[in-house]
C-alpha atoms as a PDB file:
ATOM      1  CA  MET A   1       0.000   0.000   0.000  1.00  0.00           C
ATOM      2  CA  ALA A   2       1.000   3.597  -0.308  1.00  0.00           C
ATOM      3  CA  SER A   3       1.403   5.282   3.085  1.00  0.00           C
ATOM      4  CA  ALA A   4      -1.452   7.110   4.801  1.00  0.00           C
ATOM      5  CA  PHE A   5       0.566  10.326   4.413  1.00  0.00           C
ATOM      6  CA  SER A   6       0.597   9.972   0.640  1.00  0.00           C
ATOM      7  CA  HIS A   7      -3.085   9.052   0.388  1.00  0.00           C
ATOM      8  CA  ALA A   8      -3.965  12.204   2.357  1.00  0.00           C
ATOM      9  CA  PHE A   9      -1.517  14.390   0.409  1.00  0.00           C
ATOM     10  CA  VAL A  10      -2.952  13.255  -2.931  1.00  0.00           C
ATOM     11  CA  ALA A  11      -6.494  13.879  -1.635  1.00  0.00           C
ATOM     12  CA  ILE A  12      -5.652  17.453  -0.669  1.00  0.00           C
ATOM     13  CA  ALA A  13      -4.042  18.019  -4.074  1.00  0.00           C
ATOM     14  CA  LEU A  14      -7.182  16.628  -5.730  1.00  0.00           C
ATOM     15  CA  GLY A  15      -9.250  19.009  -3.592  1.00  0.00           C
ATOM     16  CA  LYS A  16      -7.158  21.960  -4.748  1.00  0.00           C
ATOM     17  CA  THR A  17      -7.693  20.765  -8.314  1.00  0.00           C
ATOM     18  CA  TYR A  18     -11.435  20.292  -7.794  1.00  0.00           C
ATOM     19  CA  THR A  19     -12.047  23.827  -6.602  1.00  0.00           C
ATOM     20  CA  GLY A  20     -10.288  27.118  -6.151  1.00  0.00           C
ATOM     21  CA  ALA A  21     -13.001  28.256  -3.757  1.00  0.00           C
ATOM     22  CA  ARG A  22     -12.499  28.468  -0.027  1.00  0.00           C
ATOM     23  CA  MET A  23     -13.932  25.248   1.338  1.00  0.00           C
ATOM     24  CA  PRO A  24     -14.999  24.500   4.925  1.00  0.00           C
ATOM     25  CA  TRP A  25     -12.637  22.532   7.160  1.00  0.00           C
ATOM     26  CA  ARG A  26     -14.912  19.481   6.983  1.00  0.00           C
ATOM     27  CA  PHE A  27     -14.324  19.282   3.202  1.00  0.00           C
ATOM     28  CA  TRP A  28     -10.558  18.966   3.748  1.00  0.00           C
ATOM     29  CA  LEU A  29     -10.866  16.613   6.707  1.00  0.00           C
ATOM     30  CA  LEU A  30     -13.317  14.363   4.844  1.00  0.00           C
ATOM     31  CA  SER A  31     -11.075  14.434   1.773  1.00  0.00           C
ATOM     32  CA  ALA A  32      -8.167  13.059   3.800  1.00  0.00           C
ATOM     33  CA  LEU A  33     -10.366  10.555   5.664  1.00  0.00           C
ATOM     34  CA  CYS A  34     -11.949   9.240   2.457  1.00  0.00           C
ATOM     35  CA  ALA A  35      -8.518   8.811   0.903  1.00  0.00           C
ATOM     36  CA  VAL A  36      -7.088   6.982   3.924  1.00  0.00           C
ATOM     37  CA  GLY A  37     -10.321   5.199   4.912  1.00  0.00           C
ATOM     38  CA  PRO A  38     -10.077   2.112   2.689  1.00  0.00           C
ATOM     39  CA  ASP A  39      -7.201   0.880   4.862  1.00  0.00           C
ATOM     40  CA  VAL A  40      -9.700   0.280   7.670  1.00  0.00           C
ATOM     41  CA  ASP A  41      -9.622  -3.266   6.317  1.00  0.00           C
ATOM     42  CA  VAL A  42      -6.337  -3.941   8.149  1.00  0.00           C
ATOM     43  CA  VAL A  43      -8.324  -4.378  11.383  1.00  0.00           C
ATOM     44  CA  GLY A  44      -9.574  -7.601   9.814  1.00  0.00           C
ATOM     45  CA  PHE A  45      -6.195  -9.189  10.525  1.00  0.00           C
ATOM     46  CA  ALA A  46      -7.060  -9.074  14.252  1.00  0.00           C
ATOM     47  CA  PHE A  47     -10.254 -11.030  13.537  1.00  0.00           C
ATOM     48  CA  GLY A  48      -8.609 -13.727  11.434  1.00  0.00           C
ATOM     49  CA  ILE A  49      -9.582 -12.310   8.066  1.00  0.00           C
ATOM     50  CA  ARG A  50      -6.865 -13.258   5.611  1.00  0.00           C
ATOM     51  CA  TYR A  51      -5.214 -10.733   3.305  1.00  0.00           C
ATOM     52  CA  GLY A  52      -6.616 -12.313   0.132  1.00  0.00           C
ATOM     53  CA  ASP A  53     -10.237 -12.569   1.355  1.00  0.00           C
ATOM     54  CA  MET A  54     -12.942 -10.269  -0.037  1.00  0.00           C
ATOM     55  CA  LEU A  55     -12.923  -8.411   3.313  1.00  0.00           C
ATOM     56  CA  GLY A  56      -9.131  -8.657   3.552  1.00  0.00           C
ATOM     57  CA  HIS A  57      -6.600  -5.948   2.851  1.00  0.00           C
ATOM     58  CA  ARG A  58      -7.068  -4.295  -0.559  1.00  0.00           C
ATOM     59  CA  GLY A  59     -10.373  -6.135  -0.953  1.00  0.00           C
ATOM     60  CA  LEU A  60     -13.886  -4.704  -0.709  1.00  0.00           C
ATOM     61  CA  THR A  61     -12.913  -1.378   0.903  1.00  0.00           C
ATOM     62  CA  HIS A  62     -10.547  -0.669  -2.003  1.00  0.00           C
ATOM     63  CA  SER A  63     -13.238  -1.257  -4.650  1.00  0.00           C
ATOM     64  CA  LEU A  64     -14.980   1.245  -6.880  1.00  0.00           C
ATOM     65  CA  ALA A  65     -18.339   0.179  -5.402  1.00  0.00           C
ATOM     66  CA  PHE A  66     -17.091   1.063  -1.910  1.00  0.00           C
ATOM     67  CA  ALA A  67     -15.764   4.404  -3.202  1.00  0.00           C
ATOM     68  CA  LEU A  68     -19.175   5.266  -4.646  1.00  0.00           C
ATOM     69  CA  LEU A  69     -21.063   4.195  -1.533  1.00  0.00           C
ATOM     70  CA  LEU A  70     -18.727   6.153   0.751  1.00  0.00           C
ATOM     71  CA  ALA A  71     -18.976   9.238  -1.478  1.00  0.00           C
ATOM     72  CA  LEU A  72     -22.779   9.125  -1.370  1.00  0.00           C
ATOM     73  CA  VAL A  73     -22.817   8.717   2.423  1.00  0.00           C
ATOM     74  CA  VAL A  74     -20.278  11.514   2.989  1.00  0.00           C
ATOM     75  CA  VAL A  75     -22.096  14.030   0.798  1.00  0.00           C
ATOM     76  CA  TRP A  76     -25.527  12.996   2.096  1.00  0.00           C
ATOM     77  CA  PHE A  77     -24.587  13.508   5.750  1.00  0.00           C
ATOM     78  CA  ALA A  78     -21.774  16.081   5.735  1.00  0.00           C
ATOM     79  CA  PHE A  79     -23.193  18.487   3.161  1.00  0.00           C
ATOM     80  CA  ARG A  80     -26.839  18.610   4.214  1.00  0.00           C
ATOM     81  CA  ALA A  81     -27.212  22.241   3.109  1.00  0.00           C
ATOM     82  CA  MET A  82     -26.454  21.237  -0.484  1.00  0.00           C
ATOM     83  CA  PRO A  83     -29.750  20.596  -2.321  1.00  0.00           C
ATOM     84  CA  ARG A  84     -29.973  16.853  -3.088  1.00  0.00           C
ATOM     85  CA  ARG A  85     -29.352  15.522  -6.583  1.00  0.00           C
ATOM     86  CA  THR A  86     -28.452  18.924  -8.026  1.00  0.00           C
ATOM     87  CA  ARG A  87     -25.447  19.520 -10.236  1.00  0.00           C
ATOM     88  CA  GLY A  88     -23.396  20.757  -7.252  1.00  0.00           C
ATOM     89  CA  TRP A  89     -24.426  17.755  -5.151  1.00  0.00           C
ATOM     90  CA  TRP A  90     -23.376  15.316  -7.887  1.00  0.00           C
ATOM     91  CA  ALA A  91     -20.118  17.232  -8.329  1.00  0.00           C
ATOM     92  CA  LEU A  92     -19.327  16.659  -4.643  1.00  0.00           C
ATOM     93  CA  VAL A  93     -20.281  12.974  -4.918  1.00  0.00           C
ATOM     94  CA  THR A  94     -17.992  12.653  -7.937  1.00  0.00           C
ATOM     95  CA  TYR A  95     -15.174  14.407  -6.107  1.00  0.00           C
ATOM     96  CA  PHE A  96     -15.415  12.185  -3.009  1.00  0.00           C
ATOM     97  CA  PHE A  97     -15.710   9.113  -5.248  1.00  0.00           C
ATOM     98  CA  VAL A  98     -12.468  10.077  -7.014  1.00  0.00           C
ATOM     99  CA  VAL A  99     -10.702  10.820  -3.718  1.00  0.00           C
ATOM    100  CA  THR A 100     -11.755   7.469  -2.241  1.00  0.00           C
ATOM    101  CA  ALA A 101     -11.000   5.539  -5.445  1.00  0.00           C
ATOM    102  CA  SER A 102      -7.576   7.186  -5.580  1.00  0.00           C
ATOM    103  CA  HIS A 103      -6.621   4.946  -2.656  1.00  0.00           C
ATOM    104  CA  GLY A 104      -6.935   1.771  -4.707  1.00  0.00           C
ATOM    105  CA  ALA A 105      -5.295   3.416  -7.702  1.00  0.00           C
ATOM    106  CA  LEU A 106      -2.251   4.440  -5.656  1.00  0.00           C
ATOM    107  CA  ASP A 107      -2.032   0.968  -4.120  1.00  0.00           C
ATOM    108  CA  ALA A 108      -2.128  -0.570  -7.609  1.00  0.00           C
ATOM    109  CA  LEU A 109       1.001   1.470  -8.407  1.00  0.00           C
ATOM    110  CA  THR A 110       2.974  -0.195  -5.609  1.00  0.00           C
ATOM    111  CA  ASN A 111       5.392  -3.074  -6.051  1.00  0.00           C
ATOM    112  CA  GLY A 112       4.026  -5.384  -3.362  1.00  0.00           C
ATOM    113  CA  GLY A 113       0.978  -7.088  -1.936  1.00  0.00           C
ATOM    114  CA  LEU A 114      -1.723  -9.041  -3.726  1.00  0.00           C
ATOM    115  CA  GLY A 115      -3.206  -6.324  -5.896  1.00  0.00           C
ATOM    116  CA  VAL A 116      -6.461  -4.361  -5.571  1.00  0.00           C
ATOM    117  CA  ALA A 117      -9.985  -5.784  -5.883  1.00  0.00           C
ATOM    118  CA  PHE A 118     -11.370  -2.852  -7.890  1.00  0.00           C
ATOM    119  CA  CYS A 119     -14.497  -4.810  -8.907  1.00  0.00           C
ATOM    120  CA  ALA A 120     -15.413  -6.224  -5.469  1.00  0.00           C
ATOM    121  CA  PRO A 121     -17.969  -7.413  -4.446  1.00  0.00           C
ATOM    122  CA  PHE A 122     -18.741  -8.579  -7.992  1.00  0.00           C
ATOM    123  CA  SER A 123     -15.298 -10.076  -8.536  1.00  0.00           C
ATOM    124  CA  ALA A 124     -12.508 -11.022  -6.155  1.00  0.00           C
ATOM    125  CA  THR A 125      -9.868 -10.614  -8.881  1.00  0.00           C
ATOM    126  CA  ARG A 126      -7.077  -8.320  -7.786  1.00  0.00           C
ATOM    127  CA  TYR A 127      -5.176  -6.011 -10.087  1.00  0.00           C
ATOM    128  CA  PHE A 128      -1.957  -4.069 -10.269  1.00  0.00           C
ATOM    129  CA  PHE A 129      -1.168  -1.476 -12.902  1.00  0.00           C
ATOM    130  CA  PRO A 130       1.421  -2.624 -15.453  1.00  0.00           C
ATOM    131  CA  TRP A 131       3.788   0.042 -14.112  1.00  0.00           C
ATOM    132  CA  GLN A 132       4.524  -0.171 -10.366  1.00  0.00           C
ATOM    133  CA  PRO A 133       7.113   2.459  -9.458  1.00  0.00           C
ATOM    134  CA  VAL A 134       6.022   3.050  -5.833  1.00  0.00           C
ATOM    135  CA  GLU A 135       7.703   1.110  -3.026  1.00  0.00           C
ATOM    136  CA  VAL A 136       5.060  -0.720  -1.007  1.00  0.00           C
ATOM    137  CA  SER A 137       4.626   0.686   2.494  1.00  0.00           C
ATOM    138  CA  PRO A 138       4.917  -1.599   5.514  1.00  0.00           C
ATOM    139  CA  ILE A 139       1.698  -2.257   7.414  1.00  0.00           C
ATOM    140  CA  GLY A 140       1.844  -0.782  10.908  1.00  0.00           C
ATOM    141  CA  VAL A 141       3.435   2.243  12.505  1.00  0.00           C
ATOM    142  CA  ALA A 142       6.685   0.856  13.948  1.00  0.00           C
ATOM    143  CA  PRO A 143       8.079  -0.602  10.677  1.00  0.00           C
ATOM    144  CA  PHE A 144       7.378   2.704   8.972  1.00  0.00           C
ATOM    145  CA  PHE A 145       9.921   4.499  11.159  1.00  0.00           C
ATOM    146  CA  SER A 146      12.908   2.574   9.827  1.00  0.00           C
ATOM    147  CA  GLN A 147      15.261   2.595   6.852  1.00  0.00           C
ATOM    148  CA  ARG A 148      12.515   0.831   4.868  1.00  0.00           C
ATOM    149  CA  GLY A 149      10.040   3.563   5.814  1.00  0.00           C
ATOM    150  CA  LEU A 150      12.464   6.210   4.576  1.00  0.00           C
ATOM    151  CA  GLU A 151      12.812   4.371   1.248  1.00  0.00           C
ATOM    152  CA  VAL A 152       9.020   4.270   0.940  1.00  0.00           C
ATOM    153  CA  ILE A 153       8.615   8.003   1.644  1.00  0.00           C
ATOM    154  CA  MET A 154      11.356   8.904  -0.849  1.00  0.00           C
ATOM    155  CA  SER A 155       9.636   6.770  -3.486  1.00  0.00           C
ATOM    156  CA  GLU A 156       6.264   8.345  -2.708  1.00  0.00           C
ATOM    157  CA  ILE A 157       7.663  11.876  -2.865  1.00  0.00           C
ATOM    158  CA  VAL A 158       8.995  11.224  -6.364  1.00  0.00           C
ATOM    159  CA  TRP A 159       6.085   9.205  -7.782  1.00  0.00           C
ATOM    160  CA  LEU A 160       3.068  10.590  -5.870  1.00  0.00           C
ATOM    161  CA  TRP A 161       3.688  13.860  -4.045  1.00  0.00           C
ATOM    162  CA  LEU A 162       5.493  15.749  -6.814  1.00  0.00           C
ATOM    163  CA  PRO A 163       2.961  14.800  -9.532  1.00  0.00           C
ATOM    164  CA  ALA A 164       0.031  15.593  -7.195  1.00  0.00           C
ATOM    165  CA  ALA A 165       1.543  18.967  -6.296  1.00  0.00           C
ATOM    166  CA  ALA A 166       2.184  19.694  -9.979  1.00  0.00           C
ATOM    167  CA  LEU A 167      -1.462  18.904 -10.757  1.00  0.00           C
ATOM    168  CA  ALA A 168      -2.653  21.298  -8.034  1.00  0.00           C
ATOM    169  CA  VAL A 169      -0.270  24.054  -9.229  1.00  0.00           C
ATOM    170  CA  CYS A 170      -1.443  23.597 -12.831  1.00  0.00           C
ATOM    171  CA  ALA A 171      -5.090  23.878 -11.736  1.00  0.00           C
ATOM    172  CA  TRP A 172      -4.273  27.016  -9.751  1.00  0.00           C
ATOM    173  CA  GLY A 173      -2.419  28.515 -12.747  1.00  0.00           C
ATOM    174  CA  TYR A 174      -5.257  27.630 -15.107  1.00  0.00           C
ATOM    175  CA  ARG A 175      -7.833  29.303 -12.841  1.00  0.00           C
ATOM    176  CA  LYS A 176      -5.640  32.377 -12.522  1.00  0.00           C
ATOM    177  CA  LEU A 177      -5.244  32.562 -16.300  1.00  0.00           C
ATOM    178  CA  MET A 178      -8.997  32.210 -16.815  1.00  0.00           C
ATOM    179  CA  ARG A 179      -9.720  34.965 -14.281  1.00  0.00           C
ATOM    180  CA  ARG A 180      -7.184  37.242 -15.964  1.00  0.00           C
ATOM    181  CA  GLY A 181      -8.659  36.456 -19.396  1.00  0.00           C
ATOM    182  CA  GLY A 182     -12.150  37.197 -18.101  1.00  0.00           C
ATOM    183  CA  GLU A 183     -11.007  40.528 -16.638  1.00  0.00           C
ATOM    184  CA  GLU A 184      -9.321  41.561 -19.892  1.00  0.00           C
ATOM    185  CA  ALA A 185     -12.460  40.756 -21.875  1.00  0.00           C
ATOM    186  CA  ARG A 186     -14.460  43.325 -19.887  1.00  0.00           C
END
């Protein structure tokens, strides 16, 4: 898996890409939680759920179905003031779907584990992307603070953080250009 730090960082970058508007704190907190949330499946190890099971690590909670369900629940309950099923409401659902689904996508870029069950619960098949440049992160806190953890973070900075930051900067620059173009047209 990619580390929780990287999942959250990518989510914030996606949020900056999604909107240039000032968003409430709950938007940013929920963005990070949705991006990190699929790893809740690691608690299954304590209950005897094996890694490769549907409810195991990178199983159901890493699927696109889970991402959609979580996005609907988050927008339904956390953005009650937003009129239901409007264009803005669906835009938020789409955003939180993408943020949650980004977790599985980042994990499929790593070089370890059993792959990601994107199609769960309809299929237990697990996938990796053909290109896997990201060092897989150790599960647990203690192993992360080691030489291996440093290697993982360095890999994630190169392959995840820098591209995510570049995406956010490009979105910011594009919005600035559009505002300037709109002002010159007046």
